[in-house]
Amino acid sequence: MNPFMAGDHETMSVFEEAWSIFTDPAHIMAELGWTIIQDVILVWLLYGTIWKKLILPRLHEKFDKEHKIVHHDDEHNHTI
């Protein structure tokens, strides 16, 4: 047994311990912090920047070349 975990946790049921974790303010703050970090990195940076600005336009150009598609009005290119 981990000496840092000694205390009431040995006498608590699984549900009581889970409830104490769910309602612990430090745990809630840590979860919110990691959620924000992951959302910013994964959603905004990877999808919003890398996928939409770098990868998707290149795939669009490749698809146009393969299928000989010519866009007559490049100002209204809806890939971005």
PDB file of N, CA and C in Angstrom:
ATOM      1  N   MET A   1       0.842  -1.186   0.000  1.00  0.00           N
ATOM      2  CA  MET A   1       0.000   0.000   0.000  1.00  0.00           C
ATOM      3  C   MET A   1       0.883   1.244   0.000  1.00  0.00           C
ATOM      4  N   ASN A   2       0.500   2.219  -0.750  1.00  0.00           N
ATOM      5  CA  ASN A   2       1.207   3.482  -0.837  1.00  0.00           C
ATOM      6  C   ASN A   2       1.067   4.238   0.490  1.00  0.00           C
ATOM      7  N   PRO A   3       2.174   4.650   1.124  1.00  0.00           N
ATOM      8  CA  PRO A   3       2.065   5.352   2.415  1.00  0.00           C
ATOM      9  C   PRO A   3       1.346   6.690   2.313  1.00  0.00           C
ATOM     10  N   PHE A   4       1.342   7.299   1.125  1.00  0.00           N
ATOM     11  CA  PHE A   4       0.660   8.583   0.952  1.00  0.00           C
ATOM     12  C   PHE A   4      -0.851   8.409   0.885  1.00  0.00           C
ATOM     13  N   MET A   5      -1.300   7.194   0.579  1.00  0.00           N
ATOM     14  CA  MET A   5      -2.726   6.936   0.462  1.00  0.00           C
ATOM     15  C   MET A   5      -3.330   6.456   1.777  1.00  0.00           C
ATOM     16  N   ALA A   6      -2.520   6.315   2.811  1.00  0.00           N
ATOM     17  CA  ALA A   6      -3.030   5.830   4.098  1.00  0.00           C
ATOM     18  C   ALA A   6      -3.990   6.861   4.691  1.00  0.00           C
ATOM     19  N   GLY A   7      -4.928   6.398   5.445  1.00  0.00           N
ATOM     20  CA  GLY A   7      -5.916   7.298   6.040  1.00  0.00           C
ATOM     21  C   GLY A   7      -7.286   6.676   5.918  1.00  0.00           C
ATOM     22  N   ASP A   8      -8.311   7.516   5.723  1.00  0.00           N
ATOM     23  CA  ASP A   8      -9.673   6.983   5.636  1.00  0.00           C
ATOM     24  C   ASP A   8      -9.913   6.175   4.373  1.00  0.00           C
ATOM     25  N   HIS A   9      -9.070   6.328   3.390  1.00  0.00           N
ATOM     26  CA  HIS A   9      -9.329   5.687   2.102  1.00  0.00           C
ATOM     27  C   HIS A   9      -9.390   4.166   2.197  1.00  0.00           C
ATOM     28  N   GLU A  10      -8.780   3.607   3.194  1.00  0.00           N
ATOM     29  CA  GLU A  10      -8.830   2.159   3.340  1.00  0.00           C
ATOM     30  C   GLU A  10     -10.208   1.693   3.782  1.00  0.00           C
ATOM     31  N   THR A  11     -10.932   2.516   4.508  1.00  0.00           N
ATOM     32  CA  THR A  11     -12.251   2.115   5.017  1.00  0.00           C
ATOM     33  C   THR A  11     -13.376   2.575   4.110  1.00  0.00           C
ATOM     34  N   MET A  12     -13.080   3.352   3.087  1.00  0.00           N
ATOM     35  CA  MET A  12     -14.122   3.878   2.206  1.00  0.00           C
ATOM     36  C   MET A  12     -14.475   2.849   1.132  1.00  0.00           C
ATOM     37  N   SER A  13     -15.746   2.840   0.743  1.00  0.00           N
ATOM     38  CA  SER A  13     -16.151   1.985  -0.375  1.00  0.00           C
ATOM     39  C   SER A  13     -15.694   2.648  -1.675  1.00  0.00           C
ATOM     40  N   VAL A  14     -15.815   1.933  -2.747  1.00  0.00           N
ATOM     41  CA  VAL A  14     -15.413   2.465  -4.050  1.00  0.00           C
ATOM     42  C   VAL A  14     -16.222   3.711  -4.391  1.00  0.00           C
ATOM     43  N   PHE A  15     -17.525   3.658  -4.147  1.00  0.00           N
ATOM     44  CA  PHE A  15     -18.380   4.790  -4.495  1.00  0.00           C
ATOM     45  C   PHE A  15     -18.117   6.003  -3.605  1.00  0.00           C
ATOM     46  N   GLU A  16     -17.834   5.765  -2.331  1.00  0.00           N
ATOM     47  CA  GLU A  16     -17.507   6.878  -1.435  1.00  0.00           C
ATOM     48  C   GLU A  16     -16.202   7.538  -1.856  1.00  0.00           C
ATOM     49  N   GLU A  17     -15.221   6.734  -2.217  1.00  0.00           N
ATOM     50  CA  GLU A  17     -13.951   7.307  -2.653  1.00  0.00           C
ATOM     51  C   GLU A  17     -14.102   8.045  -3.981  1.00  0.00           C
ATOM     52  N   ALA A  18     -14.893   7.463  -4.892  1.00  0.00           N
ATOM     53  CA  ALA A  18     -15.145   8.146  -6.171  1.00  0.00           C
ATOM     54  C   ALA A  18     -15.838   9.484  -5.933  1.00  0.00           C
ATOM     55  N   TRP A  19     -16.819   9.504  -5.025  1.00  0.00           N
ATOM     56  CA  TRP A  19     -17.523  10.751  -4.733  1.00  0.00           C
ATOM     57  C   TRP A  19     -16.582  11.782  -4.119  1.00  0.00           C
ATOM     58  N   SER A  20     -15.667  11.332  -3.262  1.00  0.00           N
ATOM     59  CA  SER A  20     -14.725  12.276  -2.666  1.00  0.00           C
ATOM     60  C   SER A  20     -13.775  12.843  -3.729  1.00  0.00           C
ATOM     61  N   ILE A  21     -13.457  12.055  -4.718  1.00  0.00           N
ATOM     62  CA  ILE A  21     -12.604  12.555  -5.814  1.00  0.00           C
ATOM     63  C   ILE A  21     -13.388  13.520  -6.689  1.00  0.00           C
ATOM     64  N   PHE A  22     -14.638  13.154  -7.027  1.00  0.00           N
ATOM     65  CA  PHE A  22     -15.457  14.008  -7.895  1.00  0.00           C
ATOM     66  C   PHE A  22     -15.741  15.362  -7.276  1.00  0.00           C
ATOM     67  N   THR A  23     -15.851  15.406  -5.954  1.00  0.00           N
ATOM     68  CA  THR A  23     -16.200  16.664  -5.290  1.00  0.00           C
ATOM     69  C   THR A  23     -14.990  17.408  -4.732  1.00  0.00           C
ATOM     70  N   ASP A  24     -13.804  16.900  -4.945  1.00  0.00           N
ATOM     71  CA  ASP A  24     -12.582  17.543  -4.455  1.00  0.00           C
ATOM     72  C   ASP A  24     -12.272  18.761  -5.331  1.00  0.00           C
ATOM     73  N   PRO A  25     -12.222  19.971  -4.762  1.00  0.00           N
ATOM     74  CA  PRO A  25     -11.963  21.172  -5.569  1.00  0.00           C
ATOM     75  C   PRO A  25     -10.636  21.112  -6.335  1.00  0.00           C
ATOM     76  N   ALA A  26      -9.607  20.530  -5.735  1.00  0.00           N
ATOM     77  CA  ALA A  26      -8.321  20.440  -6.436  1.00  0.00           C
ATOM     78  C   ALA A  26      -8.434  19.544  -7.666  1.00  0.00           C
ATOM     79  N   HIS A  27      -9.174  18.465  -7.548  1.00  0.00           N
ATOM     80  CA  HIS A  27      -9.354  17.560  -8.682  1.00  0.00           C
ATOM     81  C   HIS A  27     -10.179  18.218  -9.783  1.00  0.00           C
ATOM     82  N   ILE A  28     -11.206  18.945  -9.373  1.00  0.00           N
ATOM     83  CA  ILE A  28     -12.046  19.648 -10.352  1.00  0.00           C
ATOM     84  C   ILE A  28     -11.223  20.681 -11.117  1.00  0.00           C
ATOM     85  N   MET A  29     -10.391  21.441 -10.407  1.00  0.00           N
ATOM     86  CA  MET A  29      -9.546  22.446 -11.070  1.00  0.00           C
ATOM     87  C   MET A  29      -8.535  21.792 -12.011  1.00  0.00           C
ATOM     88  N   ALA A  30      -7.957  20.680 -11.584  1.00  0.00           N
ATOM     89  CA  ALA A  30      -7.003  19.978 -12.442  1.00  0.00           C
ATOM     90  C   ALA A  30      -7.688  19.466 -13.703  1.00  0.00           C
ATOM     91  N   GLU A  31      -8.874  18.909 -13.579  1.00  0.00           N
ATOM     92  CA  GLU A  31      -9.611  18.411 -14.747  1.00  0.00           C
ATOM     93  C   GLU A  31      -9.975  19.551 -15.690  1.00  0.00           C
ATOM     94  N   LEU A  32     -10.426  20.666 -15.137  1.00  0.00           N
ATOM     95  CA  LEU A  32     -10.758  21.816 -15.983  1.00  0.00           C
ATOM     96  C   LEU A  32      -9.519  22.342 -16.700  1.00  0.00           C
ATOM     97  N   GLY A  33      -8.412  22.389 -15.982  1.00  0.00           N
ATOM     98  CA  GLY A  33      -7.167  22.850 -16.597  1.00  0.00           C
ATOM     99  C   GLY A  33      -6.739  21.957 -17.746  1.00  0.00           C
ATOM    100  N   TRP A  34      -6.742  20.644 -17.541  1.00  0.00           N
ATOM    101  CA  TRP A  34      -6.344  19.722 -18.620  1.00  0.00           C
ATOM    102  C   TRP A  34      -7.329  19.753 -19.779  1.00  0.00           C
ATOM    103  N   THR A  35      -8.613  19.922 -19.478  1.00  0.00           N
ATOM    104  CA  THR A  35      -9.607  20.009 -20.551  1.00  0.00           C
ATOM    105  C   THR A  35      -9.360  21.233 -21.416  1.00  0.00           C
ATOM    106  N   ILE A  36      -9.089  22.358 -20.790  1.00  0.00           N
ATOM    107  CA  ILE A  36      -8.816  23.574 -21.550  1.00  0.00           C
ATOM    108  C   ILE A  36      -7.541  23.421 -22.373  1.00  0.00           C
ATOM    109  N   ILE A  37      -6.499  22.873 -21.777  1.00  0.00           N
ATOM    110  CA  ILE A  37      -5.241  22.681 -22.504  1.00  0.00           C
ATOM    111  C   ILE A  37      -5.450  21.760 -23.702  1.00  0.00           C
ATOM    112  N   GLN A  38      -6.136  20.651 -23.502  1.00  0.00           N
ATOM    113  CA  GLN A  38      -6.346  19.709 -24.601  1.00  0.00           C
ATOM    114  C   GLN A  38      -7.233  20.307 -25.681  1.00  0.00           C
ATOM    115  N   ASP A  39      -8.265  21.040 -25.296  1.00  0.00           N
ATOM    116  CA  ASP A  39      -9.134  21.657 -26.295  1.00  0.00           C
ATOM    117  C   ASP A  39      -8.372  22.680 -27.122  1.00  0.00           C
ATOM    118  N   VAL A  40      -7.553  23.482 -26.465  1.00  0.00           N
ATOM    119  CA  VAL A  40      -6.787  24.490 -27.195  1.00  0.00           C
ATOM    120  C   VAL A  40      -5.783  23.832 -28.125  1.00  0.00           C
ATOM    121  N   ILE A  41      -5.042  22.854 -27.623  1.00  0.00           N
ATOM    122  CA  ILE A  41      -4.009  22.229 -28.448  1.00  0.00           C
ATOM    123  C   ILE A  41      -4.617  21.377 -29.552  1.00  0.00           C
ATOM    124  N   LEU A  42      -5.530  20.487 -29.192  1.00  0.00           N
ATOM    125  CA  LEU A  42      -6.064  19.556 -30.186  1.00  0.00           C
ATOM    126  C   LEU A  42      -7.044  20.203 -31.145  1.00  0.00           C
ATOM    127  N   VAL A  43      -7.999  20.930 -30.627  1.00  0.00           N
ATOM    128  CA  VAL A  43      -9.041  21.465 -31.489  1.00  0.00           C
ATOM    129  C   VAL A  43      -8.578  22.709 -32.225  1.00  0.00           C
ATOM    130  N   TRP A  44      -8.094  23.694 -31.502  1.00  0.00           N
ATOM    131  CA  TRP A  44      -7.752  24.958 -32.138  1.00  0.00           C
ATOM    132  C   TRP A  44      -6.481  24.852 -32.966  1.00  0.00           C
ATOM    133  N   LEU A  45      -5.420  24.332 -32.366  1.00  0.00           N
ATOM    134  CA  LEU A  45      -4.139  24.309 -33.061  1.00  0.00           C
ATOM    135  C   LEU A  45      -4.094  23.256 -34.150  1.00  0.00           C
ATOM    136  N   LEU A  46      -4.347  22.007 -33.791  1.00  0.00           N
ATOM    137  CA  LEU A  46      -4.201  20.938 -34.771  1.00  0.00           C
ATOM    138  C   LEU A  46      -5.269  20.990 -35.852  1.00  0.00           C
ATOM    139  N   TYR A  47      -6.543  21.062 -35.462  1.00  0.00           N
ATOM    140  CA  TYR A  47      -7.594  21.074 -36.470  1.00  0.00           C
ATOM    141  C   TYR A  47      -7.704  22.432 -37.150  1.00  0.00           C
ATOM    142  N   GLY A  48      -7.818  23.478 -36.356  1.00  0.00           N
ATOM    143  CA  GLY A  48      -8.064  24.803 -36.917  1.00  0.00           C
ATOM    144  C   GLY A  48      -6.914  25.356 -37.715  1.00  0.00           C
ATOM    145  N   THR A  49      -5.696  25.117 -37.280  1.00  0.00           N
ATOM    146  CA  THR A  49      -4.550  25.696 -37.969  1.00  0.00           C
ATOM    147  C   THR A  49      -3.919  24.716 -38.942  1.00  0.00           C
ATOM    148  N   ILE A  50      -3.483  23.589 -38.442  1.00  0.00           N
ATOM    149  CA  ILE A  50      -2.730  22.667 -39.293  1.00  0.00           C
ATOM    150  C   ILE A  50      -3.627  22.017 -40.344  1.00  0.00           C
ATOM    151  N   TRP A  51      -4.772  21.476 -39.944  1.00  0.00           N
ATOM    152  CA  TRP A  51      -5.625  20.779 -40.903  1.00  0.00           C
ATOM    153  C   TRP A  51      -6.249  21.753 -41.905  1.00  0.00           C
ATOM    154  N   LYS A  52      -6.927  22.782 -41.400  1.00  0.00           N
ATOM    155  CA  LYS A  52      -7.668  23.670 -42.293  1.00  0.00           C
ATOM    156  C   LYS A  52      -6.780  24.597 -43.106  1.00  0.00           C
ATOM    157  N   LYS A  53      -5.651  25.012 -42.560  1.00  0.00           N
ATOM    158  CA  LYS A  53      -4.815  25.986 -43.266  1.00  0.00           C
ATOM    159  C   LYS A  53      -3.675  25.354 -44.063  1.00  0.00           C
ATOM    160  N   LEU A  54      -3.202  24.188 -43.657  1.00  0.00           N
ATOM    161  CA  LEU A  54      -2.057  23.585 -44.339  1.00  0.00           C
ATOM    162  C   LEU A  54      -2.415  22.344 -45.149  1.00  0.00           C
ATOM    163  N   ILE A  55      -3.086  21.389 -44.534  1.00  0.00           N
ATOM    164  CA  ILE A  55      -3.315  20.099 -45.194  1.00  0.00           C
ATOM    165  C   ILE A  55      -4.472  20.166 -46.182  1.00  0.00           C
ATOM    166  N   LEU A  56      -5.608  20.695 -45.780  1.00  0.00           N
ATOM    167  CA  LEU A  56      -6.791  20.708 -46.634  1.00  0.00           C
ATOM    168  C   LEU A  56      -6.594  21.457 -47.953  1.00  0.00           C
ATOM    169  N   PRO A  57      -5.966  22.645 -47.971  1.00  0.00           N
ATOM    170  CA  PRO A  57      -5.745  23.297 -49.264  1.00  0.00           C
ATOM    171  C   PRO A  57      -4.858  22.482 -50.210  1.00  0.00           C
ATOM    172  N   ARG A  58      -3.855  21.784 -49.664  1.00  0.00           N
ATOM    173  CA  ARG A  58      -3.001  20.951 -50.515  1.00  0.00           C
ATOM    174  C   ARG A  58      -3.772  19.768 -51.078  1.00  0.00           C
ATOM    175  N   LEU A  59      -4.610  19.169 -50.247  1.00  0.00           N
ATOM    176  CA  LEU A  59      -5.439  18.071 -50.743  1.00  0.00           C
ATOM    177  C   LEU A  59      -6.407  18.557 -51.809  1.00  0.00           C
ATOM    178  N   HIS A  60      -6.939  19.754 -51.625  1.00  0.00           N
ATOM    179  CA  HIS A  60      -7.859  20.330 -52.604  1.00  0.00           C
ATOM    180  C   HIS A  60      -7.157  20.547 -53.948  1.00  0.00           C
ATOM    181  N   GLU A  61      -5.946  21.097 -53.898  1.00  0.00           N
ATOM    182  CA  GLU A  61      -5.188  21.307 -55.136  1.00  0.00           C
ATOM    183  C   GLU A  61      -4.880  19.980 -55.826  1.00  0.00           C
ATOM    184  N   LYS A  62      -4.485  18.992 -55.059  1.00  0.00           N
ATOM    185  CA  LYS A  62      -4.181  17.669 -55.616  1.00  0.00           C
ATOM    186  C   LYS A  62      -5.429  17.054 -56.249  1.00  0.00           C
ATOM    187  N   PHE A  63      -6.563  17.159 -55.570  1.00  0.00           N
ATOM    188  CA  PHE A  63      -7.815  16.636 -56.099  1.00  0.00           C
ATOM    189  C   PHE A  63      -8.197  17.349 -57.397  1.00  0.00           C
ATOM    190  N   ASP A  64      -8.032  18.677 -57.419  1.00  0.00           N
ATOM    191  CA  ASP A  64      -8.341  19.442 -58.637  1.00  0.00           C
ATOM    192  C   ASP A  64      -7.457  19.010 -59.803  1.00  0.00           C
ATOM    193  N   LYS A  65      -6.162  18.796 -59.551  1.00  0.00           N
ATOM    194  CA  LYS A  65      -5.262  18.376 -60.617  1.00  0.00           C
ATOM    195  C   LYS A  65      -5.595  16.979 -61.118  1.00  0.00           C
ATOM    196  N   GLU A  66      -5.898  16.065 -60.199  1.00  0.00           N
ATOM    197  CA  GLU A  66      -6.222  14.694 -60.592  1.00  0.00           C
ATOM    198  C   GLU A  66      -7.489  14.630 -61.428  1.00  0.00           C
ATOM    199  N   HIS A  67      -8.455  15.470 -61.128  1.00  0.00           N
ATOM    200  CA  HIS A  67      -9.744  15.424 -61.812  1.00  0.00           C
ATOM    201  C   HIS A  67      -9.906  16.552 -62.826  1.00  0.00           C
ATOM    202  N   LYS A  68      -8.828  17.280 -63.070  1.00  0.00           N
ATOM    203  CA  LYS A  68      -8.802  18.372 -64.061  1.00  0.00           C
ATOM    204  C   LYS A  68      -9.935  19.373 -63.826  1.00  0.00           C
ATOM    205  N   ILE A  69     -10.041  19.801 -62.593  1.00  0.00           N
ATOM    206  CA  ILE A  69     -11.048  20.799 -62.222  1.00  0.00           C
ATOM    207  C   ILE A  69     -10.394  22.168 -62.241  1.00  0.00           C
ATOM    208  N   VAL A  70     -11.044  23.116 -62.913  1.00  0.00           N
ATOM    209  CA  VAL A  70     -10.538  24.481 -62.977  1.00  0.00           C
ATOM    210  C   VAL A  70     -11.560  25.389 -62.307  1.00  0.00           C
ATOM    211  N   HIS A  71     -11.087  26.163 -61.351  1.00  0.00           N
ATOM    212  CA  HIS A  71     -11.950  27.127 -60.679  1.00  0.00           C
ATOM    213  C   HIS A  71     -11.812  28.448 -61.416  1.00  0.00           C
ATOM    214  N   HIS A  72     -12.918  28.937 -61.955  1.00  0.00           N
ATOM    215  CA  HIS A  72     -12.880  30.187 -62.713  1.00  0.00           C
ATOM    216  C   HIS A  72     -12.845  31.404 -61.812  1.00  0.00           C
ATOM    217  N   ASP A  73     -13.346  31.279 -60.594  1.00  0.00           N
ATOM    218  CA  ASP A  73     -13.370  32.387 -59.658  1.00  0.00           C
ATOM    219  C   ASP A  73     -12.614  31.957 -58.398  1.00  0.00           C
ATOM    220  N   ASP A  74     -11.313  32.265 -58.345  1.00  0.00           N
ATOM    221  CA  ASP A  74     -10.484  31.832 -57.216  1.00  0.00           C
ATOM    222  C   ASP A  74     -10.778  32.599 -55.938  1.00  0.00           C
ATOM    223  N   GLU A  75     -11.448  33.748 -56.035  1.00  0.00           N
ATOM    224  CA  GLU A  75     -11.767  34.506 -54.830  1.00  0.00           C
ATOM    225  C   GLU A  75     -12.787  33.768 -53.961  1.00  0.00           C
ATOM    226  N   HIS A  76     -13.601  32.928 -54.552  1.00  0.00           N
ATOM    227  CA  HIS A  76     -14.639  32.219 -53.818  1.00  0.00           C
ATOM    228  C   HIS A  76     -14.276  30.757 -53.644  1.00  0.00           C
ATOM    229  N   ASN A  77     -13.006  30.483 -53.402  1.00  0.00           N
ATOM    230  CA  ASN A  77     -12.551  29.126 -53.146  1.00  0.00           C
ATOM    231  C   ASN A  77     -12.956  28.752 -51.726  1.00  0.00           C
ATOM    232  N   HIS A  78     -13.820  27.779 -51.579  1.00  0.00           N
ATOM    233  CA  HIS A  78     -14.437  27.467 -50.284  1.00  0.00           C
ATOM    234  C   HIS A  78     -13.713  26.376 -49.521  1.00  0.00           C
ATOM    235  N   THR A  79     -12.410  26.221 -49.713  1.00  0.00           N
ATOM    236  CA  THR A  79     -11.679  25.173 -48.991  1.00  0.00           C
ATOM    237  C   THR A  79     -11.224  25.629 -47.621  1.00  0.00           C
ATOM    238  N   ILE A  80     -11.154  26.935 -47.401  1.00  0.00           N
ATOM    239  CA  ILE A  80     -10.628  27.433 -46.122  1.00  0.00           C
ATOM    240  C   ILE A  80     -11.756  27.986 -45.297  1.00  0.00           C
TER     241      ILE A  80
END
